[in-house]
PDB file of N, CA and C in Angstrom:
ATOM      1  N   MET A   1       7.681   2.982 -12.655  1.00  0.00           N
ATOM      2  CA  MET A   1       6.161   2.528 -12.565  1.00  0.00           C
ATOM      3  C   MET A   1       5.360   3.719 -12.324  1.00  0.00           C
ATOM      4  N   TYR A   2       4.063   3.493 -12.926  1.00  0.00           N
ATOM      5  CA  TYR A   2       3.165   4.563 -12.782  1.00  0.00           C
ATOM      6  C   TYR A   2       2.201   4.318 -11.535  1.00  0.00           C
ATOM      7  N   PRO A   3       1.818   5.314 -10.707  1.00  0.00           N
ATOM      8  CA  PRO A   3       1.049   5.157  -9.488  1.00  0.00           C
ATOM      9  C   PRO A   3      -0.206   4.246  -9.939  1.00  0.00           C
ATOM     10  N   ASP A   4      -0.899   4.385 -11.002  1.00  0.00           N
ATOM     11  CA  ASP A   4      -1.947   3.462 -11.259  1.00  0.00           C
ATOM     12  C   ASP A   4      -1.579   2.010 -11.241  1.00  0.00           C
ATOM     13  N   GLU A   5      -0.510   1.850 -11.862  1.00  0.00           N
ATOM     14  CA  GLU A   5       0.090   0.413 -11.899  1.00  0.00           C
ATOM     15  C   GLU A   5       0.323  -0.206 -10.451  1.00  0.00           C
ATOM     16  N   ILE A   6       0.919   0.430  -9.402  1.00  0.00           N
ATOM     17  CA  ILE A   6       1.078   0.141  -8.079  1.00  0.00           C
ATOM     18  C   ILE A   6      -0.203  -0.111  -7.539  1.00  0.00           C
ATOM     19  N   LYS A   7      -1.114   0.776  -7.713  1.00  0.00           N
ATOM     20  CA  LYS A   7      -2.454   0.765  -7.163  1.00  0.00           C
ATOM     21  C   LYS A   7      -3.269  -0.533  -7.560  1.00  0.00           C
ATOM     22  N   GLN A   8      -2.953  -0.915  -8.720  1.00  0.00           N
ATOM     23  CA  GLN A   8      -3.601  -2.311  -9.242  1.00  0.00           C
ATOM     24  C   GLN A   8      -2.992  -3.521  -8.734  1.00  0.00           C
ATOM     25  N   ILE A   9      -1.605  -3.247  -8.482  1.00  0.00           N
ATOM     26  CA  ILE A   9      -0.998  -4.592  -7.945  1.00  0.00           C
ATOM     27  C   ILE A   9      -1.333  -4.656  -6.404  1.00  0.00           C
ATOM     28  N   ILE A  10      -1.396  -3.538  -5.771  1.00  0.00           N
ATOM     29  CA  ILE A  10      -1.661  -3.802  -4.343  1.00  0.00           C
ATOM     30  C   ILE A  10      -3.099  -4.151  -4.239  1.00  0.00           C
ATOM     31  N   GLU A  11      -4.174  -3.595  -5.029  1.00  0.00           N
ATOM     32  CA  GLU A  11      -5.536  -3.918  -4.802  1.00  0.00           C
ATOM     33  C   GLU A  11      -5.776  -5.153  -5.184  1.00  0.00           C
ATOM     34  N   ALA A  12      -4.982  -5.836  -6.161  1.00  0.00           N
ATOM     35  CA  ALA A  12      -5.168  -7.170  -6.626  1.00  0.00           C
ATOM     36  C   ALA A  12      -4.591  -8.335  -5.522  1.00  0.00           C
ATOM     37  N   GLY A  13      -3.744  -7.758  -4.688  1.00  0.00           N
ATOM     38  CA  GLY A  13      -3.196  -8.587  -3.556  1.00  0.00           C
ATOM     39  C   GLY A  13      -3.554  -8.659  -2.439  1.00  0.00           C
ATOM     40  N   ILE A  14      -4.468  -7.657  -2.083  1.00  0.00           N
ATOM     41  CA  ILE A  14      -5.037  -7.502  -0.797  1.00  0.00           C
ATOM     42  C   ILE A  14      -6.520  -7.536  -0.756  1.00  0.00           C
ATOM     43  N   GLN A  15      -7.144  -8.304  -0.042  1.00  0.00           N
ATOM     44  CA  GLN A  15      -8.546  -8.471  -0.144  1.00  0.00           C
ATOM     45  C   GLN A  15      -9.245  -7.271   0.362  1.00  0.00           C
ATOM     46  N   GLU A  16     -10.143  -6.804  -0.516  1.00  0.00           N
ATOM     47  CA  GLU A  16     -11.179  -5.582  -0.246  1.00  0.00           C
ATOM     48  C   GLU A  16     -10.439  -4.393   0.091  1.00  0.00           C
ATOM     49  N   CYS A  17      -9.214  -4.134  -0.695  1.00  0.00           N
ATOM     50  CA  CYS A  17      -8.613  -3.088  -0.355  1.00  0.00           C
ATOM     51  C   CYS A  17      -8.633  -1.710  -1.287  1.00  0.00           C
ATOM     52  N   THR A  18      -8.384  -0.721  -0.859  1.00  0.00           N
ATOM     53  CA  THR A  18      -8.404   0.537  -1.535  1.00  0.00           C
ATOM     54  C   THR A  18      -6.917   1.197  -1.368  1.00  0.00           C
ATOM     55  N   ALA A  19      -6.228   1.493  -2.504  1.00  0.00           N
ATOM     56  CA  ALA A  19      -4.914   1.994  -2.396  1.00  0.00           C
ATOM     57  C   ALA A  19      -4.829   3.324  -3.073  1.00  0.00           C
ATOM     58  N   ILE A  20      -4.230   4.290  -2.325  1.00  0.00           N
ATOM     59  CA  ILE A  20      -3.928   5.565  -2.965  1.00  0.00           C
ATOM     60  C   ILE A  20      -2.543   5.810  -3.042  1.00  0.00           C
ATOM     61  N   ILE A  21      -2.266   6.073  -4.182  1.00  0.00           N
ATOM     62  CA  ILE A  21      -0.617   6.205  -4.606  1.00  0.00           C
ATOM     63  C   ILE A  21      -0.360   7.628  -4.968  1.00  0.00           C
ATOM     64  N   GLU A  22       0.641   8.189  -4.240  1.00  0.00           N
ATOM     65  CA  GLU A  22       1.164   9.498  -4.629  1.00  0.00           C
ATOM     66  C   GLU A  22       2.567   9.459  -4.834  1.00  0.00           C
ATOM     67  N   SER A  23       2.905  10.478  -5.599  1.00  0.00           N
ATOM     68  CA  SER A  23       4.503  10.621  -5.966  1.00  0.00           C
ATOM     69  C   SER A  23       4.540  12.153  -6.331  1.00  0.00           C
ATOM     70  N   ASP A  24       5.979  12.467  -5.968  1.00  0.00           N
ATOM     71  CA  ASP A  24       6.346  13.887  -6.411  1.00  0.00           C
ATOM     72  C   ASP A  24       7.176  13.758  -7.436  1.00  0.00           C
ATOM     73  N   ASP A  25       7.908  12.719  -7.800  1.00  0.00           N
ATOM     74  CA  ASP A  25       9.052  12.762  -8.684  1.00  0.00           C
ATOM     75  C   ASP A  25       8.979  11.414  -9.525  1.00  0.00           C
ATOM     76  N   GLY A  26       8.032  10.735  -9.587  1.00  0.00           N
ATOM     77  CA  GLY A  26       7.925   9.446 -10.234  1.00  0.00           C
ATOM     78  C   GLY A  26       8.948   8.272  -9.936  1.00  0.00           C
ATOM     79  N   ARG A  27       9.450   8.453  -8.860  1.00  0.00           N
ATOM     80  CA  ARG A  27      10.549   7.326  -8.359  1.00  0.00           C
ATOM     81  C   ARG A  27      10.193   7.112  -6.998  1.00  0.00           C
ATOM     82  N   HIS A  28       9.857   7.816  -6.041  1.00  0.00           N
ATOM     83  CA  HIS A  28       9.633   7.587  -4.823  1.00  0.00           C
ATOM     84  C   HIS A  28       8.049   7.906  -4.547  1.00  0.00           C
ATOM     85  N   TYR A  29       7.326   6.932  -3.910  1.00  0.00           N
ATOM     86  CA  TYR A  29       5.989   6.632  -3.795  1.00  0.00           C
ATOM     87  C   TYR A  29       5.673   6.865  -2.479  1.00  0.00           C
ATOM     88  N   THR A  30       4.273   7.176  -2.348  1.00  0.00           N
ATOM     89  CA  THR A  30       3.608   6.996  -0.817  1.00  0.00           C
ATOM     90  C   THR A  30       2.307   6.254  -1.163  1.00  0.00           C
ATOM     91  N   ALA A  31       2.068   5.186  -0.403  1.00  0.00           N
ATOM     92  CA  ALA A  31       0.948   4.271  -0.614  1.00  0.00           C
ATOM     93  C   ALA A  31       0.215   4.393   0.693  1.00  0.00           C
ATOM     94  N   THR A  32      -1.057   4.736   0.633  1.00  0.00           N
ATOM     95  CA  THR A  32      -2.030   4.753   1.616  1.00  0.00           C
ATOM     96  C   THR A  32      -3.096   3.622   1.487  1.00  0.00           C
ATOM     97  N   VAL A  33      -2.993   2.605   2.280  1.00  0.00           N
ATOM     98  CA  VAL A  33      -3.926   1.428   1.906  1.00  0.00           C
ATOM     99  C   VAL A  33      -4.797   1.183   2.895  1.00  0.00           C
ATOM    100  N   VAL A  34      -5.989   1.200   2.490  1.00  0.00           N
ATOM    101  CA  VAL A  34      -7.172   0.828   3.602  1.00  0.00           C
ATOM    102  C   VAL A  34      -7.614  -0.606   3.236  1.00  0.00           C
ATOM    103  N   SER A  35      -7.769  -1.530   4.255  1.00  0.00           N
ATOM    104  CA  SER A  35      -8.386  -2.712   4.023  1.00  0.00           C
ATOM    105  C   SER A  35      -8.915  -3.286   5.499  1.00  0.00           C
ATOM    106  N   PRO A  36     -10.106  -4.127   5.423  1.00  0.00           N
ATOM    107  CA  PRO A  36     -10.424  -4.853   6.484  1.00  0.00           C
ATOM    108  C   PRO A  36      -9.394  -6.167   6.915  1.00  0.00           C
ATOM    109  N   ALA A  37      -8.455  -6.366   5.822  1.00  0.00           N
ATOM    110  CA  ALA A  37      -7.513  -7.520   5.901  1.00  0.00           C
ATOM    111  C   ALA A  37      -6.494  -6.965   7.124  1.00  0.00           C
ATOM    112  N   PHE A  38      -6.393  -5.799   7.463  1.00  0.00           N
ATOM    113  CA  PHE A  38      -5.574  -5.299   8.289  1.00  0.00           C
ATOM    114  C   PHE A  38      -5.988  -5.396   9.730  1.00  0.00           C
ATOM    115  N   SER A  39      -7.211  -5.729   9.955  1.00  0.00           N
ATOM    116  CA  SER A  39      -7.852  -5.906  11.341  1.00  0.00           C
ATOM    117  C   SER A  39      -7.013  -6.935  12.287  1.00  0.00           C
ATOM    118  N   GLY A  40      -6.803  -6.507  13.362  1.00  0.00           N
ATOM    119  CA  GLY A  40      -5.986  -7.324  14.450  1.00  0.00           C
ATOM    120  C   GLY A  40      -4.526  -7.533  14.091  1.00  0.00           C
ATOM    121  N   LYS A  41      -4.129  -6.628  13.212  1.00  0.00           N
ATOM    122  CA  LYS A  41      -2.667  -6.810  12.788  1.00  0.00           C
ATOM    123  C   LYS A  41      -1.914  -5.567  13.349  1.00  0.00           C
ATOM    124  N   ASN A  42      -0.624  -5.597  13.932  1.00  0.00           N
ATOM    125  CA  ASN A  42       0.015  -4.696  14.206  1.00  0.00           C
ATOM    126  C   ASN A  42       0.543  -3.724  12.977  1.00  0.00           C
ATOM    127  N   ARG A  43       1.305  -2.791  13.251  1.00  0.00           N
ATOM    128  CA  ARG A  43       1.738  -2.000  11.957  1.00  0.00           C
ATOM    129  C   ARG A  43       2.597  -2.643  11.126  1.00  0.00           C
ATOM    130  N   ILE A  44       3.576  -3.245  11.776  1.00  0.00           N
ATOM    131  CA  ILE A  44       4.472  -4.034  10.898  1.00  0.00           C
ATOM    132  C   ILE A  44       3.912  -5.170   9.991  1.00  0.00           C
ATOM    133  N   GLN A  45       3.056  -5.962  10.740  1.00  0.00           N
ATOM    134  CA  GLN A  45       2.280  -7.070   9.911  1.00  0.00           C
ATOM    135  C   GLN A  45       1.418  -6.378   8.703  1.00  0.00           C
ATOM    136  N   LYS A  46       0.835  -5.250   9.050  1.00  0.00           N
ATOM    137  CA  LYS A  46       0.151  -4.531   7.942  1.00  0.00           C
ATOM    138  C   LYS A  46       1.061  -4.036   6.835  1.00  0.00           C
ATOM    139  N   GLN A  47       2.238  -3.628   7.227  1.00  0.00           N
ATOM    140  CA  GLN A  47       2.983  -3.205   6.107  1.00  0.00           C
ATOM    141  C   GLN A  47       3.703  -4.336   5.193  1.00  0.00           C
ATOM    142  N   GLN A  48       3.918  -5.416   6.095  1.00  0.00           N
ATOM    143  CA  GLN A  48       4.392  -6.693   5.281  1.00  0.00           C
ATOM    144  C   GLN A  48       3.376  -7.201   4.342  1.00  0.00           C
ATOM    145  N   LEU A  49       2.042  -7.059   4.665  1.00  0.00           N
ATOM    146  CA  LEU A  49       1.039  -7.526   3.778  1.00  0.00           C
ATOM    147  C   LEU A  49       1.299  -6.748   2.343  1.00  0.00           C
ATOM    148  N   VAL A  50       1.439  -5.305   2.493  1.00  0.00           N
ATOM    149  CA  VAL A  50       1.471  -4.631   1.272  1.00  0.00           C
ATOM    150  C   VAL A  50       3.019  -4.867   0.652  1.00  0.00           C
ATOM    151  N   TYR A  51       3.932  -4.901   1.346  1.00  0.00           N
ATOM    152  CA  TYR A  51       5.158  -5.380   0.902  1.00  0.00           C
ATOM    153  C   TYR A  51       5.230  -6.501  -0.025  1.00  0.00           C
ATOM    154  N   ALA A  52       4.556  -7.420   0.514  1.00  0.00           N
ATOM    155  CA  ALA A  52       4.622  -8.869  -0.233  1.00  0.00           C
ATOM    156  C   ALA A  52       3.824  -8.800  -1.551  1.00  0.00           C
ATOM    157  N   THR A  53       2.862  -7.830  -1.795  1.00  0.00           N
ATOM    158  CA  THR A  53       2.483  -7.547  -3.105  1.00  0.00           C
ATOM    159  C   THR A  53       3.326  -6.778  -4.207  1.00  0.00           C
ATOM    160  N   LEU A  54       4.428  -6.189  -3.540  1.00  0.00           N
ATOM    161  CA  LEU A  54       5.405  -5.489  -4.358  1.00  0.00           C
ATOM    162  C   LEU A  54       6.716  -5.920  -4.265  1.00  0.00           C
ATOM    163  N   ASN A  55       6.947  -7.041  -3.704  1.00  0.00           N
ATOM    164  CA  ASN A  55       8.181  -7.582  -3.474  1.00  0.00           C
ATOM    165  C   ASN A  55       9.083  -7.909  -4.832  1.00  0.00           C
ATOM    166  N   ASN A  56       8.232  -8.319  -5.810  1.00  0.00           N
ATOM    167  CA  ASN A  56       8.968  -8.511  -6.991  1.00  0.00           C
ATOM    168  C   ASN A  56       9.558  -7.305  -7.769  1.00  0.00           C
ATOM    169  N   TYR A  57       8.715  -6.233  -7.717  1.00  0.00           N
ATOM    170  CA  TYR A  57       9.088  -4.900  -8.282  1.00  0.00           C
ATOM    171  C   TYR A  57       9.980  -4.268  -7.580  1.00  0.00           C
ATOM    172  N   LEU A  58      10.137  -4.599  -6.169  1.00  0.00           N
ATOM    173  CA  LEU A  58      11.303  -3.810  -5.453  1.00  0.00           C
ATOM    174  C   LEU A  58      12.510  -4.633  -5.683  1.00  0.00           C
ATOM    175  N   ALA A  59      12.433  -5.873  -5.720  1.00  0.00           N
ATOM    176  CA  ALA A  59      13.772  -6.741  -5.889  1.00  0.00           C
ATOM    177  C   ALA A  59      14.565  -6.433  -7.332  1.00  0.00           C
ATOM    178  N   ASN A  60      13.422  -6.413  -8.318  1.00  0.00           N
ATOM    179  CA  ASN A  60      14.395  -6.094  -9.583  1.00  0.00           C
ATOM    180  C   ASN A  60      14.567  -4.650 -10.038  1.00  0.00           C
ATOM    181  N   GLY A  61      14.170  -3.792  -9.052  1.00  0.00           N
ATOM    182  CA  GLY A  61      14.487  -2.439  -9.367  1.00  0.00           C
ATOM    183  C   GLY A  61      13.429  -1.576 -10.171  1.00  0.00           C
ATOM    184  N   THR A  62      12.255  -2.311 -10.519  1.00  0.00           N
ATOM    185  CA  THR A  62      11.238  -1.525 -11.198  1.00  0.00           C
ATOM    186  C   THR A  62      10.541  -0.551 -10.435  1.00  0.00           C
ATOM    187  N   LEU A  63      10.297  -0.867  -9.245  1.00  0.00           N
ATOM    188  CA  LEU A  63       9.947  -0.038  -8.050  1.00  0.00           C
ATOM    189  C   LEU A  63      10.943   0.445  -7.303  1.00  0.00           C
ATOM    190  N   HIS A  64      11.285   1.683  -7.312  1.00  0.00           N
ATOM    191  CA  HIS A  64      12.666   2.246  -6.494  1.00  0.00           C
ATOM    192  C   HIS A  64      12.394   2.318  -5.035  1.00  0.00           C
ATOM    193  N   ALA A  65      11.387   3.012  -4.593  1.00  0.00           N
ATOM    194  CA  ALA A  65      11.265   3.369  -3.068  1.00  0.00           C
ATOM    195  C   ALA A  65       9.691   3.565  -3.019  1.00  0.00           C
ATOM    196  N   ILE A  66       9.153   3.058  -1.732  1.00  0.00           N
ATOM    197  CA  ILE A  66       7.839   3.355  -1.446  1.00  0.00           C
ATOM    198  C   ILE A  66       7.659   3.544  -0.169  1.00  0.00           C
ATOM    199  N   SER A  67       6.897   4.455   0.528  1.00  0.00           N
ATOM    200  CA  SER A  67       6.625   4.563   2.000  1.00  0.00           C
ATOM    201  C   SER A  67       5.064   4.205   2.107  1.00  0.00           C
ATOM    202  N   ILE A  68       4.682   3.305   3.072  1.00  0.00           N
ATOM    203  CA  ILE A  68       3.631   2.752   3.229  1.00  0.00           C
ATOM    204  C   ILE A  68       2.886   3.093   4.469  1.00  0.00           C
ATOM    205  N   LYS A  69       1.469   3.655   4.517  1.00  0.00           N
ATOM    206  CA  LYS A  69       0.679   3.969   5.290  1.00  0.00           C
ATOM    207  C   LYS A  69      -0.655   2.964   5.424  1.00  0.00           C
ATOM    208  N   THR A  70      -0.796   2.252   6.506  1.00  0.00           N
ATOM    209  CA  THR A  70      -1.975   1.217   6.374  1.00  0.00           C
ATOM    210  C   THR A  70      -3.062   1.608   7.444  1.00  0.00           C
ATOM    211  N   PHE A  71      -4.290   1.280   7.099  1.00  0.00           N
ATOM    212  CA  PHE A  71      -5.398   1.662   7.924  1.00  0.00           C
ATOM    213  C   PHE A  71      -6.544   0.562   7.652  1.00  0.00           C
ATOM    214  N   THR A  72      -7.243   0.239   8.897  1.00  0.00           N
ATOM    215  CA  THR A  72      -8.270  -0.563   8.569  1.00  0.00           C
ATOM    216  C   THR A  72      -9.429   0.408   8.136  1.00  0.00           C
ATOM    217  N   PRO A  73     -10.586  -0.060   7.779  1.00  0.00           N
ATOM    218  CA  PRO A  73     -11.568   0.929   7.450  1.00  0.00           C
ATOM    219  C   PRO A  73     -12.075   1.826   8.690  1.00  0.00           C
ATOM    220  N   GLU A  74     -12.083   1.290   9.773  1.00  0.00           N
ATOM    221  CA  GLU A  74     -12.452   2.063  11.189  1.00  0.00           C
ATOM    222  C   GLU A  74     -11.405   3.041  11.327  1.00  0.00           C
ATOM    223  N   GLU A  75      -9.960   2.790  11.335  1.00  0.00           N
ATOM    224  CA  GLU A  75      -9.069   3.703  11.473  1.00  0.00           C
ATOM    225  C   GLU A  75      -9.019   4.806  10.543  1.00  0.00           C
ATOM    226  N   TRP A  76      -9.356   4.443   9.277  1.00  0.00           N
ATOM    227  CA  TRP A  76      -9.332   5.328   8.077  1.00  0.00           C
ATOM    228  C   TRP A  76     -10.487   6.468   8.438  1.00  0.00           C
ATOM    229  N   GLN A  77     -11.615   6.045   8.947  1.00  0.00           N
ATOM    230  CA  GLN A  77     -12.987   6.793   9.405  1.00  0.00           C
ATOM    231  C   GLN A  77     -12.394   7.859  10.434  1.00  0.00           C
ATOM    232  N   THR A  78     -11.647   7.349  11.318  1.00  0.00           N
ATOM    233  CA  THR A  78     -11.242   8.061  12.503  1.00  0.00           C
ATOM    234  C   THR A  78     -10.304   9.136  12.156  1.00  0.00           C
ATOM    235  N   HIS A  79      -9.260   8.621  11.147  1.00  0.00           N
ATOM    236  CA  HIS A  79      -8.181   9.445  10.685  1.00  0.00           C
ATOM    237  C   HIS A  79      -8.538  10.690   9.825  1.00  0.00           C
ATOM    238  N   HIS A  80      -9.784  10.199   9.096  1.00  0.00           N
ATOM    239  CA  HIS A  80     -10.164  11.109   7.998  1.00  0.00           C
ATOM    240  C   HIS A  80     -11.524  11.622   8.015  1.00  0.00           C
ATOM    241  N   GLY A  81     -12.344  11.220   9.036  1.00  0.00           N
ATOM    242  CA  GLY A  81     -13.584  11.390   9.296  1.00  0.00           C
ATOM    243  C   GLY A  81     -13.973  12.592   9.665  1.00  0.00           C
TER     244      GLY A  81
END
């Protein structure tokens, strides 16, 4: 899969989200996802929302490995402000 494909899948599946996808080798990806949908959720719940958008691709092997970092817009501002 290409980073842009992963970005589109995540952004289509999570309300008002921005996804930043990075990969050094085209097989292992890092997704940084920012969305107000994460408000009030713990880290695991946030990651589950992202994994839910990608489950089919992980299950059939189209997507090999992805690491996920999640932020609400407020957390993102604090982290990158």
